[in-house]
Amino acid sequence: MKKVIVALAMALFASGAYAGDFPDISIGELKDAINARKVTVIDVNGKDSWAQGHIPGAIEFGASKGNLAALLPKDKDALVVAYCGGPSCGAYAAAAKAAKALGYTNVKHLVAGISGWKQAGEKMEKGE
């Protein structure tokens, strides 16, 4: 029983530490940052989804592999936001981890994802 409790405590600590690496940003906060031109947004939903509609100005993560550093701002403290499908999607973490590995210190997660963005009636941009 003691081993089970220790294992659960360690799992909770690990998930809490992981979540702390990439704090959430709200749709409203992201909109403000976009309007102020103070954010780089990374879409992790894949090429087809990105082409059908994404947050305006978002980088399509799959197409940026190997070139992400050139697409991100020079300022390592600049806001970088990664998103995927919605609250139950964890694919955003690949882009968030990539930005962090490049030295970015202000990496956040739009937990609402593209589904929440659409549901909020926000503007979409279509890709090529």
N, C-alpha and C. Protein backbone atom coordinates (compact mmCIF):
# COMPACT_ATOMS: atom_id res chain seq x y z
N MET A 1 0.83 -1.19 0.00
CA MET A 1 0.00 0.00 0.00
C MET A 1 0.87 1.25 0.00
N LYS A 2 1.95 1.20 0.78
CA LYS A 2 2.84 2.35 0.87
C LYS A 2 3.48 2.65 -0.49
N LYS A 3 3.82 1.59 -1.23
CA LYS A 3 4.41 1.76 -2.56
C LYS A 3 3.42 2.42 -3.52
N VAL A 4 2.16 2.05 -3.42
CA VAL A 4 1.13 2.63 -4.29
C VAL A 4 0.98 4.12 -4.01
N ILE A 5 0.97 4.50 -2.76
CA ILE A 5 0.84 5.91 -2.38
C ILE A 5 2.05 6.70 -2.87
N VAL A 6 3.23 6.15 -2.71
CA VAL A 6 4.45 6.82 -3.17
C VAL A 6 4.40 6.96 -4.70
N ALA A 7 3.98 5.92 -5.39
CA ALA A 7 3.90 5.97 -6.86
C ALA A 7 2.90 7.03 -7.30
N LEU A 8 1.76 7.10 -6.64
CA LEU A 8 0.75 8.12 -6.98
C LEU A 8 1.27 9.52 -6.71
N ALA A 9 1.93 9.70 -5.60
CA ALA A 9 2.49 11.01 -5.26
C ALA A 9 3.52 11.44 -6.29
N MET A 10 4.36 10.50 -6.73
CA MET A 10 5.37 10.82 -7.73
C MET A 10 4.73 11.16 -9.07
N ALA A 11 3.68 10.45 -9.44
CA ALA A 11 2.99 10.72 -10.69
C ALA A 11 2.33 12.09 -10.66
N LEU A 12 1.72 12.43 -9.54
CA LEU A 12 1.10 13.76 -9.41
C LEU A 12 2.14 14.86 -9.46
N PHE A 13 3.26 14.64 -8.81
CA PHE A 13 4.34 15.63 -8.83
C PHE A 13 4.86 15.81 -10.24
N ALA A 14 5.07 14.72 -10.95
CA ALA A 14 5.60 14.78 -12.32
C ALA A 14 4.63 15.49 -13.24
N SER A 15 3.34 15.19 -13.14
CA SER A 15 2.36 15.86 -14.01
C SER A 15 2.24 17.33 -13.64
N GLY A 16 2.36 17.66 -12.38
CA GLY A 16 2.31 19.06 -11.97
C GLY A 16 3.53 19.82 -12.46
N ALA A 17 4.69 19.19 -12.40
CA ALA A 17 5.90 19.84 -12.88
C ALA A 17 5.83 20.03 -14.38
N TYR A 18 5.30 19.06 -15.09
CA TYR A 18 5.17 19.16 -16.54
C TYR A 18 4.22 20.29 -16.91
N ALA A 19 3.07 20.36 -16.26
CA ALA A 19 2.10 21.41 -16.57
C ALA A 19 2.69 22.78 -16.28
N GLY A 20 3.54 22.89 -15.27
CA GLY A 20 4.16 24.15 -14.92
C GLY A 20 5.14 24.65 -15.97
N ASP A 21 5.66 23.75 -16.79
CA ASP A 21 6.59 24.14 -17.85
C ASP A 21 5.92 25.00 -18.90
N PHE A 22 4.65 24.75 -19.16
CA PHE A 22 3.92 25.45 -20.20
C PHE A 22 2.58 25.95 -19.66
N PRO A 23 2.59 27.12 -19.06
CA PRO A 23 1.35 27.64 -18.50
C PRO A 23 0.31 27.91 -19.58
N ASP A 24 -0.93 27.87 -19.19
CA ASP A 24 -2.02 28.13 -20.12
C ASP A 24 -2.18 29.62 -20.37
N ILE A 25 -2.68 29.93 -21.56
CA ILE A 25 -3.03 31.29 -21.92
C ILE A 25 -4.48 31.23 -22.40
N SER A 26 -5.26 32.23 -22.06
CA SER A 26 -6.66 32.25 -22.47
C SER A 26 -6.79 32.78 -23.89
N ILE A 27 -7.94 32.55 -24.47
CA ILE A 27 -8.23 33.09 -25.81
C ILE A 27 -8.11 34.61 -25.79
N GLY A 28 -8.67 35.25 -24.77
CA GLY A 28 -8.61 36.71 -24.66
C GLY A 28 -7.19 37.23 -24.56
N GLU A 29 -6.38 36.57 -23.75
CA GLU A 29 -4.97 36.97 -23.61
C GLU A 29 -4.22 36.79 -24.92
N LEU A 30 -4.50 35.69 -25.62
CA LEU A 30 -3.83 35.45 -26.89
C LEU A 30 -4.26 36.48 -27.93
N LYS A 31 -5.55 36.79 -27.97
CA LYS A 31 -6.04 37.82 -28.90
C LYS A 31 -5.34 39.15 -28.65
N ASP A 32 -5.21 39.52 -27.40
CA ASP A 32 -4.52 40.78 -27.05
C ASP A 32 -3.08 40.76 -27.54
N ALA A 33 -2.40 39.64 -27.34
CA ALA A 33 -1.00 39.52 -27.77
C ALA A 33 -0.88 39.56 -29.29
N ILE A 34 -1.83 38.93 -29.98
CA ILE A 34 -1.83 38.96 -31.45
C ILE A 34 -2.05 40.39 -31.93
N ASN A 35 -3.03 41.07 -31.36
CA ASN A 35 -3.32 42.45 -31.76
C ASN A 35 -2.15 43.39 -31.49
N ALA A 36 -1.40 43.11 -30.43
CA ALA A 36 -0.23 43.92 -30.09
C ALA A 36 1.02 43.45 -30.84
N ARG A 37 0.88 42.38 -31.62
CA ARG A 37 2.00 41.79 -32.38
C ARG A 37 3.15 41.40 -31.46
N LYS A 38 2.78 40.76 -30.32
CA LYS A 38 3.77 40.36 -29.32
C LYS A 38 3.72 38.87 -29.04
N VAL A 39 3.46 38.08 -30.08
CA VAL A 39 3.38 36.63 -29.89
C VAL A 39 3.71 35.92 -31.20
N THR A 40 4.29 34.75 -31.07
CA THR A 40 4.45 33.83 -32.19
C THR A 40 3.61 32.62 -31.83
N VAL A 41 2.70 32.25 -32.72
CA VAL A 41 1.77 31.16 -32.47
C VAL A 41 2.16 29.96 -33.33
N ILE A 42 2.15 28.78 -32.72
CA ILE A 42 2.50 27.55 -33.42
C ILE A 42 1.32 26.58 -33.38
N ASP A 43 0.86 26.18 -34.56
CA ASP A 43 -0.25 25.23 -34.72
C ASP A 43 0.34 23.83 -34.89
N VAL A 44 -0.11 22.90 -34.08
CA VAL A 44 0.42 21.53 -34.11
C VAL A 44 -0.63 20.54 -34.62
N ASN A 45 -1.64 21.03 -35.31
CA ASN A 45 -2.74 20.17 -35.76
C ASN A 45 -2.48 19.44 -37.07
N GLY A 46 -1.40 19.72 -37.73
CA GLY A 46 -1.09 19.06 -39.00
C GLY A 46 -1.45 19.92 -40.19
N LYS A 47 -0.85 19.57 -41.31
CA LYS A 47 -0.95 20.35 -42.54
C LYS A 47 -2.40 20.51 -43.03
N ASP A 48 -3.16 19.42 -43.03
CA ASP A 48 -4.54 19.49 -43.54
C ASP A 48 -5.42 20.39 -42.68
N SER A 49 -5.31 20.23 -41.36
CA SER A 49 -6.07 21.07 -40.44
C SER A 49 -5.65 22.53 -40.59
N TRP A 50 -4.35 22.78 -40.66
CA TRP A 50 -3.83 24.14 -40.80
C TRP A 50 -4.38 24.80 -42.07
N ALA A 51 -4.41 24.02 -43.18
CA ALA A 51 -4.91 24.54 -44.45
C ALA A 51 -6.40 24.88 -44.36
N GLN A 52 -7.16 24.10 -43.60
CA GLN A 52 -8.60 24.34 -43.47
C GLN A 52 -8.90 25.55 -42.60
N GLY A 53 -8.03 25.85 -41.66
CA GLY A 53 -8.24 27.02 -40.82
C GLY A 53 -7.39 26.98 -39.57
N HIS A 54 -6.72 28.09 -39.31
CA HIS A 54 -5.86 28.20 -38.13
C HIS A 54 -5.94 29.61 -37.57
N ILE A 55 -5.35 29.81 -36.43
CA ILE A 55 -5.28 31.13 -35.82
C ILE A 55 -4.44 32.01 -36.74
N PRO A 56 -4.93 33.21 -37.06
CA PRO A 56 -4.19 34.08 -37.99
C PRO A 56 -2.72 34.25 -37.59
N GLY A 57 -1.85 34.03 -38.59
CA GLY A 57 -0.42 34.20 -38.39
C GLY A 57 0.29 32.99 -37.81
N ALA A 58 -0.45 31.94 -37.49
CA ALA A 58 0.17 30.76 -36.86
C ALA A 58 1.13 30.06 -37.81
N ILE A 59 2.19 29.53 -37.25
CA ILE A 59 3.17 28.72 -37.97
C ILE A 59 2.66 27.28 -37.95
N GLU A 60 2.73 26.60 -39.08
CA GLU A 60 2.35 25.19 -39.13
C GLU A 60 3.58 24.38 -38.69
N PHE A 61 3.50 23.79 -37.52
CA PHE A 61 4.65 23.14 -36.89
C PHE A 61 5.29 22.06 -37.76
N GLY A 62 4.48 21.22 -38.38
CA GLY A 62 5.02 20.13 -39.20
C GLY A 62 5.89 20.64 -40.34
N ALA A 63 5.50 21.75 -40.94
CA ALA A 63 6.26 22.32 -42.05
C ALA A 63 7.51 23.05 -41.57
N SER A 64 7.56 23.37 -40.29
CA SER A 64 8.67 24.16 -39.76
C SER A 64 9.81 23.33 -39.18
N LYS A 65 9.63 22.02 -39.13
CA LYS A 65 10.66 21.17 -38.50
C LYS A 65 12.01 21.39 -39.16
N GLY A 66 13.01 21.56 -38.35
CA GLY A 66 14.35 21.83 -38.84
C GLY A 66 14.58 23.30 -39.16
N ASN A 67 13.51 24.08 -39.20
CA ASN A 67 13.60 25.49 -39.53
C ASN A 67 12.91 26.36 -38.47
N LEU A 68 12.48 25.75 -37.38
CA LEU A 68 11.71 26.48 -36.38
C LEU A 68 12.49 27.66 -35.82
N ALA A 69 13.76 27.50 -35.59
CA ALA A 69 14.58 28.58 -35.03
C ALA A 69 14.52 29.83 -35.90
N ALA A 70 14.49 29.65 -37.21
CA ALA A 70 14.44 30.79 -38.13
C ALA A 70 13.08 31.47 -38.12
N LEU A 71 12.04 30.75 -37.72
CA LEU A 71 10.68 31.30 -37.72
C LEU A 71 10.31 31.98 -36.40
N LEU A 72 11.06 31.69 -35.36
CA LEU A 72 10.79 32.28 -34.05
C LEU A 72 11.56 33.58 -33.90
N PRO A 73 11.10 34.47 -33.02
CA PRO A 73 11.79 35.76 -32.84
C PRO A 73 13.18 35.58 -32.26
N LYS A 74 14.01 36.59 -32.47
CA LYS A 74 15.38 36.55 -31.92
C LYS A 74 15.38 36.66 -30.41
N ASP A 75 14.41 37.39 -29.86
CA ASP A 75 14.29 37.59 -28.41
C ASP A 75 13.81 36.30 -27.75
N LYS A 76 14.67 35.67 -26.98
CA LYS A 76 14.34 34.40 -26.33
C LYS A 76 13.30 34.54 -25.22
N ASP A 77 13.01 35.79 -24.80
CA ASP A 77 11.97 36.03 -23.80
C ASP A 77 10.62 36.34 -24.43
N ALA A 78 10.55 36.36 -25.76
CA ALA A 78 9.31 36.66 -26.47
C ALA A 78 8.27 35.58 -26.20
N LEU A 79 7.01 35.97 -26.25
CA LEU A 79 5.91 35.03 -26.03
C LEU A 79 5.75 34.10 -27.23
N VAL A 80 5.74 32.80 -26.93
CA VAL A 80 5.50 31.76 -27.94
C VAL A 80 4.35 30.92 -27.41
N VAL A 81 3.31 30.75 -28.23
CA VAL A 81 2.14 29.98 -27.81
C VAL A 81 1.92 28.82 -28.77
N ALA A 82 1.81 27.62 -28.22
CA ALA A 82 1.54 26.42 -29.01
C ALA A 82 0.11 25.96 -28.72
N TYR A 83 -0.53 25.42 -29.76
CA TYR A 83 -1.88 24.87 -29.56
C TYR A 83 -2.09 23.69 -30.48
N CYS A 84 -3.10 22.88 -30.12
CA CYS A 84 -3.50 21.76 -30.97
C CYS A 84 -5.02 21.75 -31.06
N GLY A 85 -5.65 20.59 -30.95
CA GLY A 85 -7.08 20.48 -31.19
C GLY A 85 -7.98 21.05 -30.12
N GLY A 86 -7.62 20.87 -28.87
CA GLY A 86 -8.48 21.32 -27.79
C GLY A 86 -7.96 20.83 -26.45
N PRO A 87 -8.79 20.97 -25.43
CA PRO A 87 -8.35 20.65 -24.06
C PRO A 87 -7.84 19.23 -23.85
N SER A 88 -8.31 18.27 -24.61
CA SER A 88 -7.86 16.89 -24.39
C SER A 88 -6.69 16.50 -25.30
N CYS A 89 -6.20 17.43 -26.08
CA CYS A 89 -5.09 17.16 -27.00
C CYS A 89 -3.76 17.54 -26.36
N GLY A 90 -2.79 16.67 -26.46
CA GLY A 90 -1.47 16.96 -25.90
C GLY A 90 -0.39 17.17 -26.94
N ALA A 91 -0.77 17.21 -28.22
CA ALA A 91 0.22 17.34 -29.30
C ALA A 91 0.96 18.67 -29.25
N TYR A 92 0.35 19.69 -28.65
CA TYR A 92 0.99 21.01 -28.55
C TYR A 92 2.37 20.91 -27.90
N ALA A 93 2.54 19.92 -27.02
CA ALA A 93 3.77 19.81 -26.24
C ALA A 93 5.01 19.63 -27.13
N ALA A 94 4.86 19.03 -28.31
CA ALA A 94 6.01 18.86 -29.19
C ALA A 94 6.56 20.22 -29.60
N ALA A 95 5.69 21.15 -29.96
CA ALA A 95 6.14 22.49 -30.36
C ALA A 95 6.63 23.27 -29.15
N ALA A 96 5.94 23.15 -28.04
CA ALA A 96 6.35 23.86 -26.82
C ALA A 96 7.73 23.39 -26.38
N LYS A 97 7.96 22.09 -26.41
CA LYS A 97 9.27 21.55 -26.03
C LYS A 97 10.35 21.98 -27.01
N ALA A 98 10.01 22.03 -28.30
CA ALA A 98 10.98 22.45 -29.31
C ALA A 98 11.39 23.90 -29.09
N ALA A 99 10.41 24.76 -28.79
CA ALA A 99 10.72 26.17 -28.52
C ALA A 99 11.56 26.29 -27.25
N LYS A 100 11.21 25.54 -26.24
CA LYS A 100 11.98 25.58 -24.99
C LYS A 100 13.41 25.09 -25.22
N ALA A 101 13.57 24.05 -26.03
CA ALA A 101 14.90 23.52 -26.33
C ALA A 101 15.75 24.53 -27.09
N LEU A 102 15.10 25.43 -27.81
CA LEU A 102 15.81 26.49 -28.53
C LEU A 102 16.14 27.68 -27.62
N GLY A 103 15.71 27.58 -26.36
CA GLY A 103 16.06 28.61 -25.38
C GLY A 103 14.97 29.60 -25.07
N TYR A 104 13.76 29.40 -25.58
CA TYR A 104 12.66 30.34 -25.31
C TYR A 104 12.14 30.12 -23.89
N THR A 105 11.94 31.22 -23.19
CA THR A 105 11.60 31.15 -21.77
C THR A 105 10.14 31.49 -21.47
N ASN A 106 9.39 31.99 -22.46
CA ASN A 106 8.01 32.40 -22.25
C ASN A 106 7.09 31.62 -23.18
N VAL A 107 7.09 30.30 -23.01
CA VAL A 107 6.31 29.40 -23.86
C VAL A 107 5.02 29.04 -23.13
N LYS A 108 3.89 29.24 -23.81
CA LYS A 108 2.59 28.96 -23.20
C LYS A 108 1.76 28.04 -24.09
N HIS A 109 0.64 27.60 -23.53
CA HIS A 109 -0.25 26.64 -24.18
C HIS A 109 -1.65 27.23 -24.24
N LEU A 110 -2.23 27.28 -25.44
CA LEU A 110 -3.64 27.66 -25.58
C LEU A 110 -4.45 26.38 -25.39
N VAL A 111 -4.89 26.15 -24.16
CA VAL A 111 -5.57 24.91 -23.82
C VAL A 111 -6.88 24.76 -24.61
N ALA A 112 -7.54 25.84 -24.95
CA ALA A 112 -8.78 25.78 -25.71
C ALA A 112 -8.55 25.20 -27.10
N GLY A 113 -7.34 25.34 -27.62
CA GLY A 113 -7.01 24.81 -28.93
C GLY A 113 -7.82 25.45 -30.04
N ILE A 114 -7.71 24.87 -31.21
CA ILE A 114 -8.42 25.41 -32.36
C ILE A 114 -9.93 25.24 -32.21
N SER A 115 -10.35 24.19 -31.53
CA SER A 115 -11.80 23.98 -31.33
C SER A 115 -12.38 25.09 -30.47
N GLY A 116 -11.68 25.48 -29.41
CA GLY A 116 -12.16 26.56 -28.55
C GLY A 116 -12.11 27.91 -29.26
N TRP A 117 -11.07 28.10 -30.07
CA TRP A 117 -10.94 29.34 -30.85
C TRP A 117 -12.14 29.49 -31.78
N LYS A 118 -12.49 28.39 -32.48
CA LYS A 118 -13.65 28.41 -33.39
C LYS A 118 -14.94 28.64 -32.61
N GLN A 119 -15.13 27.93 -31.51
CA GLN A 119 -16.35 28.06 -30.71
C GLN A 119 -16.53 29.47 -30.18
N ALA A 120 -15.42 30.17 -29.95
CA ALA A 120 -15.48 31.54 -29.46
C ALA A 120 -15.79 32.52 -30.60
N GLY A 121 -15.87 32.01 -31.83
CA GLY A 121 -16.19 32.85 -32.97
C GLY A 121 -15.04 33.74 -33.42
N GLU A 122 -13.82 33.33 -33.11
CA GLU A 122 -12.65 34.14 -33.47
C GLU A 122 -12.30 33.97 -34.94
N LYS A 123 -11.59 34.95 -35.46
CA LYS A 123 -11.19 34.94 -36.87
C LYS A 123 -10.27 33.76 -37.14
N MET A 124 -10.44 33.21 -38.33
CA MET A 124 -9.61 32.10 -38.78
C MET A 124 -8.90 32.54 -40.07
N GLU A 125 -7.81 31.87 -40.33
CA GLU A 125 -7.05 32.11 -41.54
C GLU A 125 -6.87 30.76 -42.23
N LYS A 126 -7.01 30.71 -43.52
CA LYS A 126 -6.83 29.45 -44.25
C LYS A 126 -5.44 29.41 -44.85
N GLY A 127 -4.89 28.20 -44.92
CA GLY A 127 -3.55 28.02 -45.46
C GLY A 127 -3.58 27.59 -46.90
N GLU A 128 -2.41 27.41 -47.43
CA GLU A 128 -2.30 26.99 -48.84
C GLU A 128 -2.02 25.51 -48.93
